[in-house]
Amino acid sequence: MEKEFNKQLNNHLNQWVQNSQSSSWSVTAGDFFDVDEDSSVKVNLNKLSEGYRAKQIVNQPGDYCNVFLQAIEPYLVQFLIQFGVKSYKFRFVFILFGTIAKDYFVSTTKMT
């Protein structure tokens, strides 16, 4: 099941990128996300256009990664619901002049 989960997650995230591109940012050739066998999600920020990287990411890459995770959280929740998973701790590895690793817990239920 883990292998299918990883494959579907990879497809789901890369489809999000294709659907979300705009004139302010775009992805160059290849997959932006790559889900490894250990379920870590590699996010290759080098695939973003050079102008966007220089303007939005380079000065504060850690902050950018946090905002990025918040932006895709609803999409991750949607994926977990479709897969029947109530919560999951994702491991994101952002690639840009090295790596920034972030654990990100996502739950499909609201905390009260």
C-alpha atoms as a PDB file:
ATOM      1  CA  MET A   1       0.000   0.000   0.000  1.00  0.00           C
ATOM      2  CA  GLU A   2       2.892   2.376   0.772  1.00  0.00           C
ATOM      3  CA  LYS A   3       4.243   2.065  -2.759  1.00  0.00           C
ATOM      4  CA  GLU A   4       0.819   2.909  -4.233  1.00  0.00           C
ATOM      5  CA  PHE A   5       0.435   5.781  -1.727  1.00  0.00           C
ATOM      6  CA  ASN A   6       3.783   7.239  -2.825  1.00  0.00           C
ATOM      7  CA  LYS A   7       2.971   6.846  -6.525  1.00  0.00           C
ATOM      8  CA  GLN A   8      -0.438   8.479  -6.144  1.00  0.00           C
ATOM      9  CA  LEU A   9       0.997  11.275  -3.975  1.00  0.00           C
ATOM     10  CA  ASN A  10       3.642  11.986  -6.599  1.00  0.00           C
ATOM     11  CA  ASN A  11       1.002  12.147  -9.350  1.00  0.00           C
ATOM     12  CA  HIS A  12      -1.335  14.262  -7.199  1.00  0.00           C
ATOM     13  CA  LEU A  13       1.310  16.847  -6.313  1.00  0.00           C
ATOM     14  CA  ASN A  14       2.684  17.164  -9.838  1.00  0.00           C
ATOM     15  CA  GLN A  15      -0.862  17.587 -11.162  1.00  0.00           C
ATOM     16  CA  TRP A  16      -1.326  20.420  -8.639  1.00  0.00           C
ATOM     17  CA  VAL A  17       1.752  22.129 -10.093  1.00  0.00           C
ATOM     18  CA  GLN A  18       0.426  21.795 -13.633  1.00  0.00           C
ATOM     19  CA  ASN A  19      -2.945  23.254 -12.604  1.00  0.00           C
ATOM     20  CA  SER A  20      -1.478  26.063 -10.491  1.00  0.00           C
ATOM     21  CA  GLN A  21       1.080  27.650 -12.791  1.00  0.00           C
ATOM     22  CA  SER A  22       0.545  31.282 -13.638  1.00  0.00           C
ATOM     23  CA  SER A  23       2.318  34.155 -15.322  1.00  0.00           C
ATOM     24  CA  SER A  24       4.056  35.013 -12.036  1.00  0.00           C
ATOM     25  CA  TRP A  25       5.636  31.578 -11.660  1.00  0.00           C
ATOM     26  CA  SER A  26       6.179  28.555 -13.816  1.00  0.00           C
ATOM     27  CA  VAL A  27       8.021  25.277 -13.704  1.00  0.00           C
ATOM     28  CA  THR A  28      10.656  24.445 -16.262  1.00  0.00           C
ATOM     29  CA  ALA A  29      10.876  20.921 -17.731  1.00  0.00           C
ATOM     30  CA  GLY A  30      10.480  17.863 -15.530  1.00  0.00           C
ATOM     31  CA  ASP A  31       8.667  16.989 -12.333  1.00  0.00           C
ATOM     32  CA  PHE A  32       8.674  19.577  -9.570  1.00  0.00           C
ATOM     33  CA  PHE A  33       7.879  16.937  -6.916  1.00  0.00           C
ATOM     34  CA  ASP A  34       9.452  13.508  -6.512  1.00  0.00           C
ATOM     35  CA  VAL A  35       8.206  11.138  -3.811  1.00  0.00           C
ATOM     36  CA  ASP A  36      10.919   8.694  -2.707  1.00  0.00           C
ATOM     37  CA  GLU A  37      10.424   5.110  -1.550  1.00  0.00           C
ATOM     38  CA  ASP A  38      10.778   6.302   2.050  1.00  0.00           C
ATOM     39  CA  SER A  39       7.818   8.661   1.402  1.00  0.00           C
ATOM     40  CA  SER A  40       9.899  11.828   1.614  1.00  0.00           C
ATOM     41  CA  VAL A  41       8.768  14.445  -0.882  1.00  0.00           C
ATOM     42  CA  LYS A  42      11.544  16.189  -2.783  1.00  0.00           C
ATOM     43  CA  VAL A  43      10.582  19.655  -4.005  1.00  0.00           C
ATOM     44  CA  ASN A  44      13.035  20.871  -6.614  1.00  0.00           C
ATOM     45  CA  LEU A  45      12.855  24.651  -6.363  1.00  0.00           C
ATOM     46  CA  ASN A  46      15.521  24.827  -9.087  1.00  0.00           C
ATOM     47  CA  LYS A  47      12.756  23.824 -11.532  1.00  0.00           C
ATOM     48  CA  LEU A  48      11.059  27.193 -10.988  1.00  0.00           C
ATOM     49  CA  SER A  49      11.905  29.977 -13.398  1.00  0.00           C
ATOM     50  CA  GLU A  50      15.120  31.825 -12.582  1.00  0.00           C
ATOM     51  CA  GLY A  51      13.398  35.185 -12.215  1.00  0.00           C
ATOM     52  CA  TYR A  52      10.849  33.804  -9.757  1.00  0.00           C
ATOM     53  CA  ARG A  53      13.571  32.101  -7.672  1.00  0.00           C
ATOM     54  CA  ALA A  54      15.621  35.285  -7.523  1.00  0.00           C
ATOM     55  CA  LYS A  55      12.652  37.456  -6.577  1.00  0.00           C
ATOM     56  CA  GLN A  56      10.702  35.164  -4.224  1.00  0.00           C
ATOM     57  CA  ILE A  57      12.986  32.502  -2.749  1.00  0.00           C
ATOM     58  CA  VAL A  58      16.696  33.285  -2.645  1.00  0.00           C
ATOM     59  CA  ASN A  59      16.634  35.892   0.152  1.00  0.00           C
ATOM     60  CA  GLN A  60      14.614  33.784   2.634  1.00  0.00           C
ATOM     61  CA  PRO A  61      14.334  30.177   1.456  1.00  0.00           C
ATOM     62  CA  GLY A  62      13.207  28.829   4.853  1.00  0.00           C
ATOM     63  CA  ASP A  63      10.320  31.291   5.036  1.00  0.00           C
ATOM     64  CA  TYR A  64       9.372  30.511   1.447  1.00  0.00           C
ATOM     65  CA  CYS A  65       9.254  26.779   2.241  1.00  0.00           C
ATOM     66  CA  ASN A  66       6.931  27.395   5.207  1.00  0.00           C
ATOM     67  CA  VAL A  67       4.555  29.526   3.131  1.00  0.00           C
ATOM     68  CA  PHE A  68       4.672  26.964   0.327  1.00  0.00           C
ATOM     69  CA  LEU A  69       3.642  24.157   2.694  1.00  0.00           C
ATOM     70  CA  GLN A  70       0.743  26.227   3.982  1.00  0.00           C
ATOM     71  CA  ALA A  71      -0.352  26.885   0.396  1.00  0.00           C
ATOM     72  CA  ILE A  72      -0.448  23.203  -0.561  1.00  0.00           C
ATOM     73  CA  GLU A  73      -1.944  21.956   2.724  1.00  0.00           C
ATOM     74  CA  PRO A  74      -5.552  21.940   1.408  1.00  0.00           C
ATOM     75  CA  TYR A  75      -4.381  19.833  -1.520  1.00  0.00           C
ATOM     76  CA  LEU A  76      -2.614  17.422   0.845  1.00  0.00           C
ATOM     77  CA  VAL A  77      -5.772  17.163   2.973  1.00  0.00           C
ATOM     78  CA  GLN A  78      -7.787  16.385  -0.155  1.00  0.00           C
ATOM     79  CA  PHE A  79      -5.320  13.634  -1.078  1.00  0.00           C
ATOM     80  CA  LEU A  80      -5.419  12.080   2.408  1.00  0.00           C
ATOM     81  CA  ILE A  81      -9.229  12.069   2.406  1.00  0.00           C
ATOM     82  CA  GLN A  82      -9.278  10.344  -0.983  1.00  0.00           C
ATOM     83  CA  PHE A  83      -6.788   7.771   0.316  1.00  0.00           C
ATOM     84  CA  GLY A  84      -8.727   7.222   3.560  1.00  0.00           C
ATOM     85  CA  VAL A  85      -5.935   8.486   5.821  1.00  0.00           C
ATOM     86  CA  LYS A  86      -6.883  10.677   8.811  1.00  0.00           C
ATOM     87  CA  SER A  87      -3.462  12.204   9.402  1.00  0.00           C
ATOM     88  CA  TYR A  88       0.062  11.920   8.067  1.00  0.00           C
ATOM     89  CA  LYS A  89       3.483  13.366   8.807  1.00  0.00           C
ATOM     90  CA  PHE A  90       5.048  14.336   5.517  1.00  0.00           C
ATOM     91  CA  ARG A  91       8.782  14.852   5.093  1.00  0.00           C
ATOM     92  CA  PHE A  92       9.511  17.555   2.525  1.00  0.00           C
ATOM     93  CA  VAL A  93      13.042  18.088   1.244  1.00  0.00           C
ATOM     94  CA  PHE A  94      13.372  21.369  -0.638  1.00  0.00           C
ATOM     95  CA  ILE A  95      16.250  21.537  -3.093  1.00  0.00           C
ATOM     96  CA  LEU A  96      17.834  24.929  -3.821  1.00  0.00           C
ATOM     97  CA  PHE A  97      21.576  25.533  -3.387  1.00  0.00           C
ATOM     98  CA  GLY A  98      21.522  22.531  -1.038  1.00  0.00           C
ATOM     99  CA  THR A  99      18.551  21.171   0.876  1.00  0.00           C
ATOM    100  CA  ILE A 100      16.084  22.290   3.532  1.00  0.00           C
ATOM    101  CA  ALA A 101      14.170  19.466   5.218  1.00  0.00           C
ATOM    102  CA  LYS A 102      10.819  20.088   6.900  1.00  0.00           C
ATOM    103  CA  ASP A 103       8.448  17.696   8.628  1.00  0.00           C
ATOM    104  CA  TYR A 104       4.839  18.719   8.081  1.00  0.00           C
ATOM    105  CA  PHE A 105       1.915  17.122   9.915  1.00  0.00           C
ATOM    106  CA  VAL A 106      -1.422  17.185   8.098  1.00  0.00           C
ATOM    107  CA  SER A 107      -4.741  16.130   9.589  1.00  0.00           C
ATOM    108  CA  THR A 108      -8.069  15.779   7.813  1.00  0.00           C
ATOM    109  CA  THR A 109      -9.945  16.720  10.987  1.00  0.00           C
ATOM    110  CA  LYS A 110     -10.043  20.109  12.666  1.00  0.00           C
ATOM    111  CA  MET A 111      -8.538  20.405  16.132  1.00  0.00           C
ATOM    112  CA  THR A 112     -10.901  21.791  18.742  1.00  0.00           C
END
